[in-house]
C-alpha atoms as a PDB file:
ATOM      1  CA  UNK A   1     122.764-238.740  54.926  1.00  0.00           C
ATOM      2  CA  UNK A   2     124.836-235.607  55.239  1.00  0.00           C
ATOM      3  CA  UNK A   3     128.467-235.249  56.315  1.00  0.00           C
ATOM      4  CA  UNK A   4     129.882-231.869  57.314  1.00  0.00           C
ATOM      5  CA  UNK A   5     133.655-232.103  57.173  1.00  0.00           C
ATOM      6  CA  UNK A   6     136.841-230.768  55.623  1.00  0.00           C
ATOM      7  CA  UNK A   7     139.775-232.518  53.884  1.00  0.00           C
ATOM      8  CA  UNK A   8     142.298-230.797  56.186  1.00  0.00           C
ATOM      9  CA  UNK A   9     140.653-232.087  59.348  1.00  0.00           C
ATOM     10  CA  UNK A  10     142.075-235.356  60.659  1.00  0.00           C
ATOM     11  CA  UNK A  11     138.870-236.508  62.347  1.00  0.00           C
ATOM     12  CA  UNK A  12     136.932-235.783  59.148  1.00  0.00           C
ATOM     13  CA  UNK A  13     139.390-237.947  57.254  1.00  0.00           C
ATOM     14  CA  UNK A  14     138.705-240.846  59.601  1.00  0.00           C
ATOM     15  CA  UNK A  15     134.955-240.631  59.178  1.00  0.00           C
ATOM     16  CA  UNK A  16     135.176-240.285  55.385  1.00  0.00           C
ATOM     17  CA  UNK A  17     137.554-243.257  55.159  1.00  0.00           C
ATOM     18  CA  UNK A  18     135.016-245.312  57.112  1.00  0.00           C
ATOM     19  CA  UNK A  19     132.171-244.189  54.866  1.00  0.00           C
ATOM     20  CA  UNK A  20     134.140-245.036  51.725  1.00  0.00           C
ATOM     21  CA  UNK A  21     135.308-248.393  53.055  1.00  0.00           C
ATOM     22  CA  UNK A  22     131.746-249.326  54.033  1.00  0.00           C
ATOM     23  CA  UNK A  23     130.281-248.072  50.754  1.00  0.00           C
ATOM     24  CA  UNK A  24     127.796-245.727  52.435  1.00  0.00           C
ATOM     25  CA  UNK A  25     126.280-243.046  50.187  1.00  0.00           C
ATOM     26  CA  UNK A  26     126.279-239.539  51.658  1.00  0.00           C
ATOM     27  CA  UNK A  27     126.202-235.891  50.675  1.00  0.00           C
ATOM     28  CA  UNK A  28     129.419-234.009  51.385  1.00  0.00           C
ATOM     29  CA  UNK A  29     129.512-230.466  52.811  1.00  0.00           C
ATOM     30  CA  UNK A  30     132.886-228.747  53.271  1.00  0.00           C
ATOM     31  CA  UNK A  31     133.231-226.772  56.505  1.00  0.00           C
ATOM     32  CA  UNK A  32     136.769-225.390  56.761  1.00  0.00           C
ATOM     33  CA  UNK A  33     137.913-224.722  60.370  1.00  0.00           C
ATOM     34  CA  UNK A  34     140.933-222.733  59.129  1.00  0.00           C
ATOM     35  CA  UNK A  35     138.684-220.174  57.451  1.00  0.00           C
ATOM     36  CA  UNK A  36     136.319-220.394  60.468  1.00  0.00           C
ATOM     37  CA  UNK A  37     133.381-221.723  58.462  1.00  0.00           C
ATOM     38  CA  UNK A  38     132.645-223.941  61.453  1.00  0.00           C
ATOM     39  CA  UNK A  39     131.710-220.739  63.303  1.00  0.00           C
ATOM     40  CA  UNK A  40     128.969-219.730  60.862  1.00  0.00           C
ATOM     41  CA  UNK A  41     125.728-219.543  62.789  1.00  0.00           C
ATOM     42  CA  UNK A  42     123.924-222.115  60.628  1.00  0.00           C
ATOM     43  CA  UNK A  43     126.556-224.750  61.397  1.00  0.00           C
ATOM     44  CA  UNK A  44     127.069-223.582  64.970  1.00  0.00           C
ATOM     45  CA  UNK A  45     123.393-224.086  65.741  1.00  0.00           C
ATOM     46  CA  UNK A  46     123.790-227.673  64.577  1.00  0.00           C
ATOM     47  CA  UNK A  47     126.892-228.272  66.695  1.00  0.00           C
ATOM     48  CA  UNK A  48     127.596-225.635  69.328  1.00  0.00           C
ATOM     49  CA  UNK A  49     131.050-227.018  69.928  1.00  0.00           C
ATOM     50  CA  UNK A  50     131.859-225.843  66.414  1.00  0.00           C
ATOM     51  CA  UNK A  51     133.746-229.006  65.539  1.00  0.00           C
ATOM     52  CA  UNK A  52     133.791-231.175  62.448  1.00  0.00           C
ATOM     53  CA  UNK A  53     132.884-233.804  61.461  1.00  0.00           C
ATOM     54  CA  UNK A  54     129.133-233.791  61.969  1.00  0.00           C
ATOM     55  CA  UNK A  55     127.176-236.737  60.590  1.00  0.00           C
ATOM     56  CA  UNK A  56     123.458-236.324  59.971  1.00  0.00           C
ATOM     57  CA  UNK A  57     121.191-239.216  59.114  1.00  0.00           C
ATOM     58  CA  UNK A  58     117.647-237.929  58.784  1.00  0.00           C
ATOM     59  CA  UNK A  59     116.740-236.355  62.109  1.00  0.00           C
ATOM     60  CA  UNK A  60     119.720-237.913  63.877  1.00  0.00           C
ATOM     61  CA  UNK A  61     122.742-235.636  64.224  1.00  0.00           C
ATOM     62  CA  UNK A  62     125.845-237.259  65.666  1.00  0.00           C
ATOM     63  CA  UNK A  63     128.524-235.270  67.476  1.00  0.00           C
ATOM     64  CA  UNK A  64     128.274-235.423  71.270  1.00  0.00           C
ATOM     65  CA  UNK A  65     124.958-237.199  71.630  1.00  0.00           C
ATOM     66  CA  UNK A  66     125.529-240.671  70.350  1.00  0.00           C
ATOM     67  CA  UNK A  67     123.192-243.283  68.873  1.00  0.00           C
ATOM     68  CA  UNK A  68     124.869-246.224  70.510  1.00  0.00           C
ATOM     69  CA  UNK A  69     125.110-248.401  73.590  1.00  0.00           C
ATOM     70  CA  UNK A  70     128.281-250.431  73.879  1.00  0.00           C
ATOM     71  CA  UNK A  71     127.902-253.874  75.365  1.00  0.00           C
ATOM     72  CA  UNK A  72     130.946-255.301  77.117  1.00  0.00           C
ATOM     73  CA  UNK A  73     131.285-258.453  74.998  1.00  0.00           C
ATOM     74  CA  UNK A  74     129.885-258.098  71.488  1.00  0.00           C
ATOM     75  CA  UNK A  75     129.680-254.279  71.128  1.00  0.00           C
ATOM     76  CA  UNK A  76     126.175-254.419  69.609  1.00  0.00           C
ATOM     77  CA  UNK A  77     124.801-251.067  68.460  1.00  0.00           C
ATOM     78  CA  UNK A  78     121.441-250.158  69.979  1.00  0.00           C
ATOM     79  CA  UNK A  79     118.867-247.766  68.611  1.00  0.00           C
ATOM     80  CA  UNK A  80     118.650-245.554  71.692  1.00  0.00           C
ATOM     81  CA  UNK A  81     120.817-242.441  71.997  1.00  0.00           C
ATOM     82  CA  UNK A  82     123.400-242.509  74.778  1.00  0.00           C
ATOM     83  CA  UNK A  83     125.707-239.792  75.991  1.00  0.00           C
ATOM     84  CA  UNK A  84     129.320-240.937  76.188  1.00  0.00           C
ATOM     85  CA  UNK A  85     132.762-239.506  76.860  1.00  0.00           C
ATOM     86  CA  UNK A  86     133.386-236.919  74.066  1.00  0.00           C
ATOM     87  CA  UNK A  87     136.914-238.278  73.510  1.00  0.00           C
ATOM     88  CA  UNK A  88     135.304-241.364  71.938  1.00  0.00           C
ATOM     89  CA  UNK A  89     132.931-239.334  69.758  1.00  0.00           C
ATOM     90  CA  UNK A  90     134.569-240.270  66.476  1.00  0.00           C
ATOM     91  CA  UNK A  91     134.861-243.917  67.469  1.00  0.00           C
ATOM     92  CA  UNK A  92     131.099-243.952  67.868  1.00  0.00           C
ATOM     93  CA  UNK A  93     130.620-242.344  64.470  1.00  0.00           C
ATOM     94  CA  UNK A  94     132.709-245.173  62.980  1.00  0.00           C
ATOM     95  CA  UNK A  95     130.508-247.784  64.671  1.00  0.00           C
ATOM     96  CA  UNK A  96     127.374-245.931  63.559  1.00  0.00           C
ATOM     97  CA  UNK A  97     128.615-245.931  59.965  1.00  0.00           C
ATOM     98  CA  UNK A  98     129.197-249.678  60.161  1.00  0.00           C
ATOM     99  CA  UNK A  99     125.615-250.164  61.387  1.00  0.00           C
ATOM    100  CA  UNK A 100     124.193-248.072  58.527  1.00  0.00           C
ATOM    101  CA  UNK A 101     126.266-249.987  55.973  1.00  0.00           C
ATOM    102  CA  UNK A 102     124.899-253.320  57.204  1.00  0.00           C
ATOM    103  CA  UNK A 103     121.306-252.098  57.349  1.00  0.00           C
ATOM    104  CA  UNK A 104     121.607-250.573  53.857  1.00  0.00           C
ATOM    105  CA  UNK A 105     122.895-253.863  52.470  1.00  0.00           C
ATOM    106  CA  UNK A 106     119.866-255.710  53.783  1.00  0.00           C
ATOM    107  CA  UNK A 107     121.818-257.921  56.178  1.00  0.00           C
ATOM    108  CA  UNK A 108     119.776-259.321  59.040  1.00  0.00           C
ATOM    109  CA  UNK A 109     122.337-258.746  61.761  1.00  0.00           C
ATOM    110  CA  UNK A 110     125.391-256.682  62.508  1.00  0.00           C
ATOM    111  CA  UNK A 111     128.639-258.545  63.047  1.00  0.00           C
ATOM    112  CA  UNK A 112     130.327-257.584  66.295  1.00  0.00           C
ATOM    113  CA  UNK A 113     133.587-255.697  65.995  1.00  0.00           C
ATOM    114  CA  UNK A 114     136.443-257.603  67.538  1.00  0.00           C
ATOM    115  CA  UNK A 115     137.784-256.486  70.873  1.00  0.00           C
ATOM    116  CA  UNK A 116     141.222-256.043  69.304  1.00  0.00           C
ATOM    117  CA  UNK A 117     139.877-253.572  66.731  1.00  0.00           C
ATOM    118  CA  UNK A 118     138.145-251.521  69.419  1.00  0.00           C
ATOM    119  CA  UNK A 119     141.227-251.519  71.629  1.00  0.00           C
ATOM    120  CA  UNK A 120     143.354-250.182  68.780  1.00  0.00           C
ATOM    121  CA  UNK A 121     140.757-247.559  67.934  1.00  0.00           C
ATOM    122  CA  UNK A 122     140.793-246.332  71.512  1.00  0.00           C
ATOM    123  CA  UNK A 123     144.585-246.318  71.734  1.00  0.00           C
ATOM    124  CA  UNK A 124     144.866-244.201  68.606  1.00  0.00           C
ATOM    125  CA  UNK A 125     142.034-241.895  69.635  1.00  0.00           C
ATOM    126  CA  UNK A 126     143.754-241.278  72.983  1.00  0.00           C
ATOM    127  CA  UNK A 127     146.464-239.292  71.197  1.00  0.00           C
ATOM    128  CA  UNK A 128     145.262-235.751  70.470  1.00  0.00           C
ATOM    129  CA  UNK A 129     146.933-234.455  67.272  1.00  0.00           C
ATOM    130  CA  UNK A 130     145.930-230.805  67.791  1.00  0.00           C
ATOM    131  CA  UNK A 131     148.827-229.575  69.929  1.00  0.00           C
ATOM    132  CA  UNK A 132     151.375-231.646  68.010  1.00  0.00           C
ATOM    133  CA  UNK A 133     150.144-230.308  64.665  1.00  0.00           C
ATOM    134  CA  UNK A 134     150.019-226.663  65.741  1.00  0.00           C
ATOM    135  CA  UNK A 135     153.493-226.866  67.303  1.00  0.00           C
ATOM    136  CA  UNK A 136     154.921-227.802  63.880  1.00  0.00           C
ATOM    137  CA  UNK A 137     153.303-224.909  62.014  1.00  0.00           C
ATOM    138  CA  UNK A 138     155.499-221.777  61.697  1.00  0.00           C
ATOM    139  CA  UNK A 139     154.538-219.427  64.508  1.00  0.00           C
ATOM    140  CA  UNK A 140     153.777-216.406  62.325  1.00  0.00           C
ATOM    141  CA  UNK A 141     151.221-218.358  60.284  1.00  0.00           C
ATOM    142  CA  UNK A 142     149.714-220.062  63.302  1.00  0.00           C
ATOM    143  CA  UNK A 143     149.249-216.796  65.193  1.00  0.00           C
ATOM    144  CA  UNK A 144     147.817-215.066  62.130  1.00  0.00           C
ATOM    145  CA  UNK A 145     145.163-217.749  61.653  1.00  0.00           C
ATOM    146  CA  UNK A 146     144.442-217.878  65.389  1.00  0.00           C
ATOM    147  CA  UNK A 147     143.846-214.135  65.480  1.00  0.00           C
ATOM    148  CA  UNK A 148     141.593-214.378  62.422  1.00  0.00           C
ATOM    149  CA  UNK A 149     139.491-217.128  64.024  1.00  0.00           C
ATOM    150  CA  UNK A 150     139.113-215.103  67.225  1.00  0.00           C
ATOM    151  CA  UNK A 151     137.948-212.109  65.188  1.00  0.00           C
ATOM    152  CA  UNK A 152     135.386-214.278  63.418  1.00  0.00           C
ATOM    153  CA  UNK A 153     134.090-215.610  66.740  1.00  0.00           C
ATOM    154  CA  UNK A 154     133.667-212.045  68.046  1.00  0.00           C
ATOM    155  CA  UNK A 155     131.831-211.009  64.871  1.00  0.00           C
ATOM    156  CA  UNK A 156     129.502-214.022  65.045  1.00  0.00           C
ATOM    157  CA  UNK A 157     128.848-213.310  68.702  1.00  0.00           C
ATOM    158  CA  UNK A 158     127.424-209.881  67.841  1.00  0.00           C
ATOM    159  CA  UNK A 159     125.437-211.279  64.900  1.00  0.00           C
ATOM    160  CA  UNK A 160     123.876-214.101  66.920  1.00  0.00           C
ATOM    161  CA  UNK A 161     123.530-212.975  70.552  1.00  0.00           C
ATOM    162  CA  UNK A 162     121.542-216.116  71.383  1.00  0.00           C
ATOM    163  CA  UNK A 163     124.771-218.079  70.742  1.00  0.00           C
ATOM    164  CA  UNK A 164     127.034-215.641  72.602  1.00  0.00           C
ATOM    165  CA  UNK A 165     127.910-218.003  75.452  1.00  0.00           C
ATOM    166  CA  UNK A 166     128.925-220.744  73.004  1.00  0.00           C
ATOM    167  CA  UNK A 167     131.060-218.374  70.943  1.00  0.00           C
ATOM    168  CA  UNK A 168     132.639-217.116  74.150  1.00  0.00           C
ATOM    169  CA  UNK A 169     133.578-220.682  74.996  1.00  0.00           C
ATOM    170  CA  UNK A 170     135.265-221.046  71.599  1.00  0.00           C
ATOM    171  CA  UNK A 171     137.228-217.858  72.259  1.00  0.00           C
ATOM    172  CA  UNK A 172     138.349-219.216  75.602  1.00  0.00           C
ATOM    173  CA  UNK A 173     139.433-222.482  73.970  1.00  0.00           C
ATOM    174  CA  UNK A 174     141.514-220.542  71.416  1.00  0.00           C
ATOM    175  CA  UNK A 175     143.340-218.592  74.119  1.00  0.00           C
ATOM    176  CA  UNK A 176     143.906-221.744  76.179  1.00  0.00           C
ATOM    177  CA  UNK A 177     145.390-223.515  73.163  1.00  0.00           C
ATOM    178  CA  UNK A 178     147.853-220.674  72.593  1.00  0.00           C
ATOM    179  CA  UNK A 179     148.914-220.888  76.233  1.00  0.00           C
ATOM    180  CA  UNK A 180     149.453-224.642  75.994  1.00  0.00           C
ATOM    181  CA  UNK A 181     151.688-224.156  72.970  1.00  0.00           C
ATOM    182  CA  UNK A 182     154.013-222.076  75.156  1.00  0.00           C
ATOM    183  CA  UNK A 183     154.492-224.927  77.626  1.00  0.00           C
ATOM    184  CA  UNK A 184     157.420-227.200  76.802  1.00  0.00           C
ATOM    185  CA  UNK A 185     156.043-230.024  78.974  1.00  0.00           C
ATOM    186  CA  UNK A 186     152.762-230.078  77.029  1.00  0.00           C
ATOM    187  CA  UNK A 187     154.606-230.347  73.728  1.00  0.00           C
ATOM    188  CA  UNK A 188     156.927-233.025  75.074  1.00  0.00           C
ATOM    189  CA  UNK A 189     154.061-235.147  76.411  1.00  0.00           C
ATOM    190  CA  UNK A 190     152.265-234.963  73.078  1.00  0.00           C
ATOM    191  CA  UNK A 191     155.373-236.075  71.208  1.00  0.00           C
ATOM    192  CA  UNK A 192     156.178-238.840  73.696  1.00  0.00           C
ATOM    193  CA  UNK A 193     152.629-240.151  73.467  1.00  0.00           C
ATOM    194  CA  UNK A 194     152.881-240.283  69.678  1.00  0.00           C
ATOM    195  CA  UNK A 195     156.245-242.065  69.797  1.00  0.00           C
ATOM    196  CA  UNK A 196     154.883-244.705  72.196  1.00  0.00           C
ATOM    197  CA  UNK A 197     151.879-245.238  69.965  1.00  0.00           C
ATOM    198  CA  UNK A 198     153.956-245.597  66.804  1.00  0.00           C
ATOM    199  CA  UNK A 199     156.379-247.979  68.524  1.00  0.00           C
ATOM    200  CA  UNK A 200     153.452-250.180  69.527  1.00  0.00           C
ATOM    201  CA  UNK A 201     152.056-250.022  65.989  1.00  0.00           C
ATOM    202  CA  UNK A 202     155.493-250.977  64.620  1.00  0.00           C
ATOM    203  CA  UNK A 203     155.602-254.063  66.848  1.00  0.00           C
ATOM    204  CA  UNK A 204     152.092-255.108  65.805  1.00  0.00           C
ATOM    205  CA  UNK A 205     152.831-254.671  62.102  1.00  0.00           C
ATOM    206  CA  UNK A 206     155.816-257.002  62.460  1.00  0.00           C
ATOM    207  CA  UNK A 207     153.259-259.741  63.142  1.00  0.00           C
ATOM    208  CA  UNK A 208     150.278-258.821  60.932  1.00  0.00           C
ATOM    209  CA  UNK A 209     149.880-256.807  57.699  1.00  0.00           C
ATOM    210  CA  UNK A 210     147.198-254.628  59.297  1.00  0.00           C
ATOM    211  CA  UNK A 211     146.632-253.416  62.829  1.00  0.00           C
ATOM    212  CA  UNK A 212     144.057-256.007  63.836  1.00  0.00           C
ATOM    213  CA  UNK A 213     145.084-258.915  61.641  1.00  0.00           C
ATOM    214  CA  UNK A 214     144.987-259.795  57.978  1.00  0.00           C
ATOM    215  CA  UNK A 215     142.210-257.416  56.939  1.00  0.00           C
ATOM    216  CA  UNK A 216     141.893-253.621  56.789  1.00  0.00           C
ATOM    217  CA  UNK A 217     139.548-252.623  59.625  1.00  0.00           C
ATOM    218  CA  UNK A 218     138.286-249.553  61.456  1.00  0.00           C
ATOM    219  CA  UNK A 219     141.497-249.670  63.485  1.00  0.00           C
ATOM    220  CA  UNK A 220     143.390-248.877  60.284  1.00  0.00           C
ATOM    221  CA  UNK A 221     140.855-246.161  59.478  1.00  0.00           C
ATOM    222  CA  UNK A 222     141.894-244.479  62.728  1.00  0.00           C
ATOM    223  CA  UNK A 223     145.627-244.804  62.041  1.00  0.00           C
ATOM    224  CA  UNK A 224     145.941-243.825  58.379  1.00  0.00           C
ATOM    225  CA  UNK A 225     145.112-240.107  58.894  1.00  0.00           C
ATOM    226  CA  UNK A 226     147.782-239.928  61.621  1.00  0.00           C
ATOM    227  CA  UNK A 227     150.419-241.080  59.132  1.00  0.00           C
ATOM    228  CA  UNK A 228     149.009-238.693  56.528  1.00  0.00           C
ATOM    229  CA  UNK A 229     149.312-235.838  59.018  1.00  0.00           C
ATOM    230  CA  UNK A 230     152.967-236.683  59.707  1.00  0.00           C
ATOM    231  CA  UNK A 231     153.689-236.653  55.976  1.00  0.00           C
ATOM    232  CA  UNK A 232     151.822-233.367  55.547  1.00  0.00           C
ATOM    233  CA  UNK A 233     154.051-231.835  58.241  1.00  0.00           C
ATOM    234  CA  UNK A 234     157.160-233.218  56.465  1.00  0.00           C
ATOM    235  CA  UNK A 235     157.919-235.469  59.439  1.00  0.00           C
ATOM    236  CA  UNK A 236     157.802-238.828  57.660  1.00  0.00           C
ATOM    237  CA  UNK A 237     161.586-239.308  57.907  1.00  0.00           C
ATOM    238  CA  UNK A 238     161.493-238.966  61.673  1.00  0.00           C
ATOM    239  CA  UNK A 239     158.339-240.914  62.450  1.00  0.00           C
ATOM    240  CA  UNK A 240     157.602-243.238  59.505  1.00  0.00           C
ATOM    241  CA  UNK A 241     160.717-244.101  57.476  1.00  0.00           C
ATOM    242  CA  UNK A 242     162.683-245.057  60.596  1.00  0.00           C
ATOM    243  CA  UNK A 243     160.062-247.694  61.401  1.00  0.00           C
ATOM    244  CA  UNK A 244     160.302-250.211  58.519  1.00  0.00           C
ATOM    245  CA  UNK A 245     157.021-252.016  59.215  1.00  0.00           C
ATOM    246  CA  UNK A 246     155.068-248.764  59.368  1.00  0.00           C
ATOM    247  CA  UNK A 247     156.869-247.534  56.246  1.00  0.00           C
ATOM    248  CA  UNK A 248     155.808-250.662  54.336  1.00  0.00           C
ATOM    249  CA  UNK A 249     152.273-250.417  55.704  1.00  0.00           C
ATOM    250  CA  UNK A 250     152.080-246.732  54.706  1.00  0.00           C
ATOM    251  CA  UNK A 251     152.948-247.585  51.095  1.00  0.00           C
ATOM    252  CA  UNK A 252     150.321-250.346  51.135  1.00  0.00           C
ATOM    253  CA  UNK A 253     147.397-248.309  52.494  1.00  0.00           C
ATOM    254  CA  UNK A 254     148.031-245.436  50.087  1.00  0.00           C
ATOM    255  CA  UNK A 255     146.986-247.775  47.286  1.00  0.00           C
ATOM    256  CA  UNK A 256     143.461-248.144  48.665  1.00  0.00           C
ATOM    257  CA  UNK A 257     140.686-246.381  46.746  1.00  0.00           C
ATOM    258  CA  UNK A 258     139.346-244.902  49.976  1.00  0.00           C
ATOM    259  CA  UNK A 259     142.711-243.257  50.700  1.00  0.00           C
ATOM    260  CA  UNK A 260     143.014-241.863  47.189  1.00  0.00           C
ATOM    261  CA  UNK A 261     139.540-240.347  47.362  1.00  0.00           C
ATOM    262  CA  UNK A 262     139.679-238.984  50.910  1.00  0.00           C
ATOM    263  CA  UNK A 263     143.328-237.956  51.380  1.00  0.00           C
ATOM    264  CA  UNK A 264     145.399-238.494  48.253  1.00  0.00           C
ATOM    265  CA  UNK A 265     143.096-236.310  46.156  1.00  0.00           C
ATOM    266  CA  UNK A 266     144.014-233.323  48.316  1.00  0.00           C
ATOM    267  CA  UNK A 267     147.523-234.022  49.582  1.00  0.00           C
ATOM    268  CA  UNK A 268     149.510-236.204  47.183  1.00  0.00           C
ATOM    269  CA  UNK A 269     152.428-234.304  45.625  1.00  0.00           C
ATOM    270  CA  UNK A 270     151.629-230.752  44.514  1.00  0.00           C
ATOM    271  CA  UNK A 271     148.013-231.107  45.619  1.00  0.00           C
ATOM    272  CA  UNK A 272     148.868-230.461  49.253  1.00  0.00           C
ATOM    273  CA  UNK A 273     150.301-227.049  48.346  1.00  0.00           C
ATOM    274  CA  UNK A 274     147.124-226.183  46.450  1.00  0.00           C
ATOM    275  CA  UNK A 275     144.915-227.253  49.374  1.00  0.00           C
ATOM    276  CA  UNK A 276     146.930-225.314  51.955  1.00  0.00           C
ATOM    277  CA  UNK A 277     147.470-222.221  49.821  1.00  0.00           C
ATOM    278  CA  UNK A 278     143.769-221.979  49.048  1.00  0.00           C
ATOM    279  CA  UNK A 279     142.913-221.910  52.757  1.00  0.00           C
ATOM    280  CA  UNK A 280     145.707-219.421  53.506  1.00  0.00           C
ATOM    281  CA  UNK A 281     144.652-217.142  50.635  1.00  0.00           C
ATOM    282  CA  UNK A 282     141.066-216.990  51.912  1.00  0.00           C
ATOM    283  CA  UNK A 283     142.206-216.126  55.425  1.00  0.00           C
ATOM    284  CA  UNK A 284     144.519-213.385  54.140  1.00  0.00           C
ATOM    285  CA  UNK A 285     141.887-211.802  51.893  1.00  0.00           C
ATOM    286  CA  UNK A 286     139.190-211.803  54.550  1.00  0.00           C
ATOM    287  CA  UNK A 287     141.618-210.378  57.107  1.00  0.00           C
ATOM    288  CA  UNK A 288     142.775-207.583  54.819  1.00  0.00           C
ATOM    289  CA  UNK A 289     139.187-206.705  53.920  1.00  0.00           C
ATOM    290  CA  UNK A 290     138.099-207.213  57.544  1.00  0.00           C
ATOM    291  CA  UNK A 291     135.315-209.470  56.338  1.00  0.00           C
ATOM    292  CA  UNK A 292     134.937-211.616  59.379  1.00  0.00           C
END
């Protein structure tokens, strides 16, 4: 099993946390969206949306085409591939990982995920961190990286004309994102959505130690990278510390081995500066040398 991901990517963090929690063995491949490695033709042919994570199990590649059918009551995972709403893509990957973990362990059946876990997963997935994250990055750095990525897309378009329409779509997405970042209403809605989500999480954590009860579940897997992103952006005082139950929960989950391996290894203390500076250095060098 192969996982194409990057430590900086929030969705990749979710999938890796799930893999580590379930004890699934996999081979890791770093694909850094900041340095536009997700636009390399070899990866782009695998996933023409150019997004990470991508999970490959033998001949099955999971990104938009999903190996799952969700039943209304017990959420059993079927063997057939079904196409679902892309906004739930990473939820499906989590369920798929759970299925593989059970099969690998030799268990005869797969325990159904509780409705409460799935509801929390969907609530958290409904908030898109992209606009919020980009709006908190200094404009000069954000625009520099955005220009670099557009240049890479143009270069790849000429190198792989058979993928030109897909690269053109990525260019269009980049321009649309920059336009959204200029709209105050878009930024406000993203922030308000996050605040509502965190307030609901705070209320739940006043009743249970984890989102869906006493145990750490896939609902927590979805939430932890959100809190890590807020800390990375130096926003923990505004969004975490002021919510005592979330603050206590945040301290608790950082002690998990899965967190230390997936997130802490790259972002605890001075490590976050090393991770970010490495990506920035590569973008700067390639831009100066015009090696797109």
